[in-house]
């Protein structure tokens, strides 16, 4: 069952109108399923909570989403940061729905100018479509880019021990495929285990692919191996490179005027990691950063790595990093 993860910025009432509420953590999920069996399509609307007070849930959603929906109730600094974060994450498919708060008027022309400057090629809707129209539009964007032939990358964001089952880890498959009975390896402790069983959307399955939120029952693995920031790969895989210190190029975010300087503290958001680092030196556009804990980088560097500075104002998105070299 292919799953399309959609980053949803909007009200709870809007989210409830288009999907059935599921998990609630610092991210809410709302699920819509069309069809049945192998031909079913599932839309998982992921609504980050606490923004703008906290930016990490938003970045976590953008790490896994392929499509976006933004309900615009007013134009403010938080709206600008949201647009820039979607653009930095490379989410080029989505819809913006103008639905102003009572007593507020929003200029469609102003919205179009802002999203163009932010680099988002999205369509703007001047009134709220019916829920079935929204789901139909999103399904038309359904992207079957799941590629089981890619190597497995599975960050784990929750884990617990279930009586009679054992250790269970939950996370989003970022690339590749994990199967029942697979041998797996947990980074950063590099400990091995075996997948006993898998669940996707509360259904037992034999495999899970990119986009799936999967629960893995794992045997022969210590609970300590599934610490915060753990990533599951296949044994012997070279899909990730360990960076304790990196040099990278920075593509500054739209609207961002701040310049990084030596000794600045930054965070890197990638594959559900949120790693803190200190700027050691800057040579033109080459930035050298020491990371407090290892940053695990895809060796093909084909995903967006968003650089954030939490005390930056009014926008915390500094830009996207590329051309990483471990030093």
Protein backbone atom coordinates (compact mmCIF):
# COMPACT_ATOMS: atom_id res chain seq x y z
CA UNK A 1 0.00 0.00 0.00
CA UNK A 2 1.80 3.15 -1.15
CA UNK A 3 1.68 6.01 1.35
CA UNK A 4 1.95 9.69 0.45
CA UNK A 5 3.13 11.81 3.38
CA UNK A 6 1.74 15.36 3.25
CA UNK A 7 3.00 18.19 5.44
CA UNK A 8 -0.11 20.03 6.62
CA UNK A 9 0.02 23.52 8.11
CA UNK A 10 -3.46 24.51 9.21
CA UNK A 11 -6.12 24.35 11.86
CA UNK A 12 -7.17 21.18 13.66
CA UNK A 13 -10.71 21.52 12.27
CA UNK A 14 -9.31 21.64 8.73
CA UNK A 15 -7.17 18.57 9.37
CA UNK A 16 -10.14 16.65 10.79
CA UNK A 17 -12.18 17.44 7.67
CA UNK A 18 -9.77 15.61 5.33
CA UNK A 19 -8.49 12.66 7.36
CA UNK A 20 -9.04 10.41 10.35
CA UNK A 21 -6.98 11.41 13.36
CA UNK A 22 -4.24 8.99 14.34
CA UNK A 23 -1.04 9.45 16.32
CA UNK A 24 -0.58 12.55 18.45
CA UNK A 25 2.87 13.51 19.70
CA UNK A 26 4.53 16.78 18.75
CA UNK A 27 3.12 15.83 15.34
CA UNK A 28 -0.50 14.90 14.63
CA UNK A 29 -1.34 12.46 11.84
CA UNK A 30 -4.59 12.35 9.88
CA UNK A 31 -5.08 9.42 7.51
CA UNK A 32 -7.24 9.01 4.41
CA UNK A 33 -7.40 5.70 2.55
CA UNK A 34 -8.77 5.20 -0.95
CA UNK A 35 -9.42 1.73 -2.30
CA UNK A 36 -8.50 -1.59 -0.72
CA UNK A 37 -5.95 -4.34 -0.94
CA UNK A 38 -2.78 -3.89 -2.96
CA UNK A 39 -4.38 -1.11 -5.04
CA UNK A 40 -5.14 1.09 -2.03
CA UNK A 41 -3.66 4.56 -1.76
CA UNK A 42 -3.08 6.17 1.62
CA UNK A 43 -2.60 9.85 2.34
CA UNK A 44 -0.98 10.59 5.69
CA UNK A 45 -1.44 14.27 6.59
CA UNK A 46 1.24 15.24 9.11
CA UNK A 47 0.46 18.37 11.15
CA UNK A 48 3.36 19.71 13.24
CA UNK A 49 2.39 21.25 16.58
CA UNK A 50 3.94 24.10 18.59
CA UNK A 51 5.12 26.21 15.65
CA UNK A 52 6.30 28.96 15.79
CA UNK A 53 7.39 28.32 19.41
CA UNK A 54 9.29 25.21 18.32
CA UNK A 55 10.63 24.62 14.83
CA UNK A 56 11.79 21.02 15.25
CA UNK A 57 8.38 19.30 14.70
CA UNK A 58 7.98 21.27 11.46
CA UNK A 59 11.43 20.19 10.26
CA UNK A 60 10.74 16.57 11.20
CA UNK A 61 7.59 16.60 9.07
CA UNK A 62 9.48 18.17 6.16
CA UNK A 63 12.12 15.41 6.39
CA UNK A 64 9.49 12.83 5.38
CA UNK A 65 6.83 14.73 3.38
CA UNK A 66 6.69 14.80 -0.42
CA UNK A 67 3.75 17.24 -0.75
CA UNK A 68 2.53 20.22 1.27
CA UNK A 69 -0.70 22.02 2.16
CA UNK A 70 -0.69 25.42 3.83
CA UNK A 71 -3.89 27.01 5.12
CA UNK A 72 -3.23 30.77 5.30
CA UNK A 73 -5.21 32.50 8.03
CA UNK A 74 -2.96 35.59 8.20
CA UNK A 75 0.32 36.89 6.81
CA UNK A 76 3.02 37.22 9.46
CA UNK A 77 6.62 36.24 10.18
CA UNK A 78 5.59 32.66 11.03
CA UNK A 79 3.96 32.30 7.60
CA UNK A 80 7.16 33.48 5.92
CA UNK A 81 9.27 30.99 7.88
CA UNK A 82 6.88 28.19 6.91
CA UNK A 83 7.17 29.01 3.20
CA UNK A 84 10.96 29.17 3.39
CA UNK A 85 11.13 25.86 5.26
CA UNK A 86 9.07 24.09 2.57
CA UNK A 87 11.24 25.61 -0.15
CA UNK A 88 14.45 24.61 1.67
CA UNK A 89 13.13 21.05 2.00
CA UNK A 90 12.66 20.88 -1.78
CA UNK A 91 8.91 20.21 -1.61
CA UNK A 92 7.85 21.42 -5.04
CA UNK A 93 4.30 20.01 -5.00
CA UNK A 94 1.58 21.53 -2.88
CA UNK A 95 -1.36 23.86 -2.46
CA UNK A 96 -1.91 27.09 -0.57
CA UNK A 97 -5.46 27.77 0.63
CA UNK A 98 -6.44 31.28 1.68
CA UNK A 99 -8.83 31.01 4.62
CA UNK A 100 -8.47 34.23 6.67
CA UNK A 101 -9.40 34.63 10.28
CA UNK A 102 -12.56 36.60 10.93
CA UNK A 103 -12.00 40.31 10.31
CA UNK A 104 -8.74 39.75 8.35
CA UNK A 105 -8.35 40.35 4.61
CA UNK A 106 -5.60 38.57 2.67
CA UNK A 107 -4.44 39.84 -0.71
CA UNK A 108 -4.03 36.97 -3.21
CA UNK A 109 -1.54 39.05 -5.19
CA UNK A 110 0.63 39.50 -2.10
CA UNK A 111 0.54 35.74 -1.46
CA UNK A 112 1.63 35.04 -5.04
CA UNK A 113 4.54 37.47 -4.75
CA UNK A 114 5.71 35.96 -1.45
CA UNK A 115 5.56 32.34 -2.61
CA UNK A 116 7.37 33.27 -5.82
CA UNK A 117 10.14 34.94 -3.81
CA UNK A 118 10.29 31.89 -1.55
CA UNK A 119 10.71 29.63 -4.59
CA UNK A 120 7.51 27.58 -4.21
CA UNK A 121 5.73 26.76 -7.52
CA UNK A 122 2.42 26.00 -5.79
CA UNK A 123 -1.14 26.87 -6.80
CA UNK A 124 -3.06 29.32 -4.61
CA UNK A 125 -6.74 28.67 -3.83
CA UNK A 126 -8.72 31.75 -2.84
CA UNK A 127 -11.41 29.78 -1.00
CA UNK A 128 -11.51 26.49 0.87
CA UNK A 129 -12.18 23.56 -1.52
CA UNK A 130 -14.44 20.75 -0.40
CA UNK A 131 -12.59 17.96 1.48
CA UNK A 132 -13.07 15.49 -1.39
CA UNK A 133 -11.61 18.06 -3.82
CA UNK A 134 -8.53 18.51 -1.62
CA UNK A 135 -7.95 14.78 -1.38
CA UNK A 136 -8.43 14.42 -5.15
CA UNK A 137 -5.88 17.18 -5.84
CA UNK A 138 -3.39 15.53 -3.49
CA UNK A 139 -3.96 12.08 -5.02
CA UNK A 140 -3.19 13.58 -8.44
CA UNK A 141 0.19 14.55 -6.96
CA UNK A 142 0.76 10.98 -5.77
CA UNK A 143 4.38 10.23 -6.49
CA UNK A 144 5.43 6.61 -6.79
CA UNK A 145 9.08 7.27 -6.11
CA UNK A 146 9.35 4.39 -3.67
CA UNK A 147 12.48 2.60 -4.83
CA UNK A 148 13.09 -0.66 -2.95
CA UNK A 149 16.36 -1.05 -4.86
CA UNK A 150 17.78 1.91 -2.91
CA UNK A 151 19.55 1.10 0.33
CA UNK A 152 17.61 1.16 3.58
CA UNK A 153 17.56 4.28 5.76
CA UNK A 154 15.10 4.08 8.65
CA UNK A 155 15.39 6.65 11.46
CA UNK A 156 13.68 5.51 14.69
CA UNK A 157 11.81 8.19 16.67
CA UNK A 158 9.99 5.97 19.20
CA UNK A 159 10.73 2.67 20.87
CA UNK A 160 9.28 0.55 23.66
CA UNK A 161 9.16 -3.01 24.95
CA UNK A 162 5.91 -4.99 24.52
CA UNK A 163 5.24 -8.02 26.68
CA UNK A 164 5.26 -11.15 24.55
CA UNK A 165 6.71 -9.32 21.55
CA UNK A 166 9.85 -7.64 22.81
CA UNK A 167 11.60 -4.54 21.54
CA UNK A 168 9.63 -2.42 19.05
CA UNK A 169 11.00 0.56 17.11
CA UNK A 170 8.83 2.98 15.12
CA UNK A 171 9.96 5.31 12.36
CA UNK A 172 9.61 6.45 8.76
CA UNK A 173 11.37 4.54 5.99
CA UNK A 174 13.35 7.27 4.24
CA UNK A 175 14.68 5.07 1.45
CA UNK A 176 14.87 1.44 0.45
CA UNK A 177 12.89 -1.45 1.90
CA UNK A 178 12.84 -3.44 5.12
CA UNK A 179 11.42 -6.97 5.20
CA UNK A 180 10.33 -9.46 7.79
CA UNK A 181 13.31 -11.58 8.94
CA UNK A 182 15.84 -9.01 7.63
CA UNK A 183 19.10 -8.63 9.50
CA UNK A 184 19.43 -4.98 10.53
CA UNK A 185 22.02 -2.75 12.15
CA UNK A 186 21.34 0.18 14.51
CA UNK A 187 23.53 3.26 14.33
CA UNK A 188 25.36 4.87 16.05
CA UNK A 189 26.09 1.93 18.40
CA UNK A 190 26.45 -0.44 15.42
CA UNK A 191 24.48 -3.26 17.06
CA UNK A 192 22.72 -5.98 15.09
CA UNK A 193 19.29 -7.58 15.29
CA UNK A 194 16.65 -9.46 13.31
CA UNK A 195 13.22 -8.13 12.26
CA UNK A 196 10.61 -10.42 13.79
CA UNK A 197 7.55 -8.67 12.33
CA UNK A 198 6.38 -5.43 10.75
CA UNK A 199 3.28 -3.27 11.01
CA UNK A 200 2.18 -0.38 8.74
CA UNK A 201 -1.04 1.48 9.57
CA UNK A 202 -1.78 -1.18 12.23
CA UNK A 203 -1.67 -3.95 9.60
CA UNK A 204 0.83 -6.80 9.68
CA UNK A 205 2.95 -6.67 6.54
CA UNK A 206 5.90 -8.55 5.08
CA UNK A 207 7.76 -5.43 3.98
CA UNK A 208 7.78 -1.63 4.27
CA UNK A 209 9.13 0.85 1.72
CA UNK A 210 10.01 4.53 1.46
CA UNK A 211 7.22 6.69 2.90
CA UNK A 212 5.83 4.04 5.26
CA UNK A 213 5.61 4.68 8.97
CA UNK A 214 6.53 1.25 10.23
CA UNK A 215 6.73 -0.54 13.54
CA UNK A 216 9.46 -3.20 13.74
CA UNK A 217 9.54 -5.92 16.36
CA UNK A 218 13.25 -6.66 16.68
CA UNK A 219 14.99 -9.56 18.39
CA UNK A 220 18.62 -9.85 19.52
CA UNK A 221 18.93 -6.06 19.91
CA UNK A 222 19.43 -4.16 23.16
CA UNK A 223 16.94 -1.40 23.95
CA UNK A 224 19.87 0.99 24.42
CA UNK A 225 20.69 0.62 20.71
CA UNK A 226 17.45 2.45 19.82
CA UNK A 227 18.49 5.68 21.49
CA UNK A 228 17.25 9.03 20.23
CA UNK A 229 18.69 9.67 16.77
CA UNK A 230 19.09 5.95 15.99
CA UNK A 231 19.01 4.96 12.31
CA UNK A 232 18.37 1.43 11.05
CA UNK A 233 20.31 0.19 8.02
CA UNK A 234 21.21 -3.22 6.61
CA UNK A 235 24.46 -4.79 7.87
CA UNK A 236 27.47 -3.84 5.79
CA UNK A 237 25.63 -0.96 4.11
CA UNK A 238 27.70 2.10 3.20
CA UNK A 239 24.61 4.26 2.60
CA UNK A 240 25.51 6.65 5.44
CA UNK A 241 28.75 8.42 6.30
CA UNK A 242 29.59 9.46 9.85
CA UNK A 243 30.45 13.15 10.27
CA UNK A 244 31.89 14.39 13.55
CA UNK A 245 33.22 17.46 11.76
CA UNK A 246 32.20 18.72 8.33
CA UNK A 247 32.94 21.32 5.71
CA UNK A 248 29.95 22.23 3.54
CA UNK A 249 28.62 24.90 1.19
CA UNK A 250 25.64 26.98 2.30
CA UNK A 251 22.82 28.06 0.01
CA UNK A 252 21.23 30.88 1.97
CA UNK A 253 17.46 30.76 2.41
CA UNK A 254 15.19 33.34 0.76
CA UNK A 255 14.64 36.45 2.95
CA UNK A 256 17.52 35.46 5.25
CA UNK A 257 19.82 38.43 5.92
CA UNK A 258 21.85 36.95 8.77
CA UNK A 259 25.45 35.97 8.08
CA UNK A 260 26.97 33.06 10.00
CA UNK A 261 30.18 33.76 11.86
CA UNK A 262 32.83 31.81 13.77
CA UNK A 263 31.59 30.22 17.04
CA UNK A 264 27.91 30.44 16.02
CA UNK A 265 25.77 27.52 17.20
CA UNK A 266 23.65 25.91 14.47
CA UNK A 267 21.52 22.80 13.98
CA UNK A 268 21.36 20.47 10.97
CA UNK A 269 18.03 18.79 10.12
CA UNK A 270 18.30 15.66 7.99
CA UNK A 271 16.57 12.24 8.01
CA UNK A 272 14.83 13.10 11.33
CA UNK A 273 18.14 14.06 12.92
CA UNK A 274 18.49 17.46 14.62
CA UNK A 275 22.18 17.76 15.38
CA UNK A 276 23.82 20.74 17.07
CA UNK A 277 27.16 22.06 15.87
CA UNK A 278 29.58 24.95 16.32
CA UNK A 279 31.00 26.97 13.42
CA UNK A 280 34.79 26.65 13.58
CA UNK A 281 35.70 28.71 10.52
CA UNK A 282 34.28 30.25 7.35
CA UNK A 283 36.27 30.52 4.13
CA UNK A 284 34.14 32.26 1.51
CA UNK A 285 31.12 29.90 1.27
CA UNK A 286 32.88 26.91 2.84
CA UNK A 287 31.74 26.45 6.43
CA UNK A 288 33.58 24.18 8.88
CA UNK A 289 31.39 22.83 11.72
CA UNK A 290 32.16 20.50 14.63
CA UNK A 291 29.08 18.45 15.60
CA UNK A 292 28.23 17.70 19.24
CA UNK A 293 27.11 14.21 18.20
CA UNK A 294 27.68 12.47 14.86
CA UNK A 295 25.68 13.64 11.85
CA UNK A 296 24.92 10.67 9.59
CA UNK A 297 24.98 11.84 5.98
CA UNK A 298 23.73 9.96 2.93
CA UNK A 299 26.79 9.16 0.88
CA UNK A 300 25.02 10.27 -2.32
CA UNK A 301 23.91 13.50 -0.58
CA UNK A 302 20.60 13.43 -2.47
CA UNK A 303 18.44 14.88 0.30
CA UNK A 304 18.01 18.37 1.71
CA UNK A 305 20.02 19.24 4.82
CA UNK A 306 18.43 22.30 6.42
CA UNK A 307 20.63 24.55 8.57
CA UNK A 308 18.87 26.30 11.45
CA UNK A 309 19.89 28.83 14.08
CA UNK A 310 17.42 28.80 16.94
CA UNK A 311 18.16 32.32 18.19
CA UNK A 312 17.97 33.91 14.73
CA UNK A 313 15.17 36.43 14.27
CA UNK A 314 12.72 36.77 12.61
CA UNK A 315 13.55 33.59 10.66
CA UNK A 316 15.46 30.58 11.96
CA UNK A 317 16.02 28.85 8.60
CA UNK A 318 19.54 29.85 7.57
CA UNK A 319 19.61 27.78 4.37
CA UNK A 320 20.46 24.39 2.93
CA UNK A 321 23.86 22.72 3.07
CA UNK A 322 25.49 20.75 0.27
CA UNK A 323 28.85 19.36 -0.84
CA UNK A 324 29.62 17.85 2.56
CA UNK A 325 33.14 16.69 3.30
CA UNK A 326 33.99 14.89 6.54
CA UNK A 327 37.10 16.29 8.23
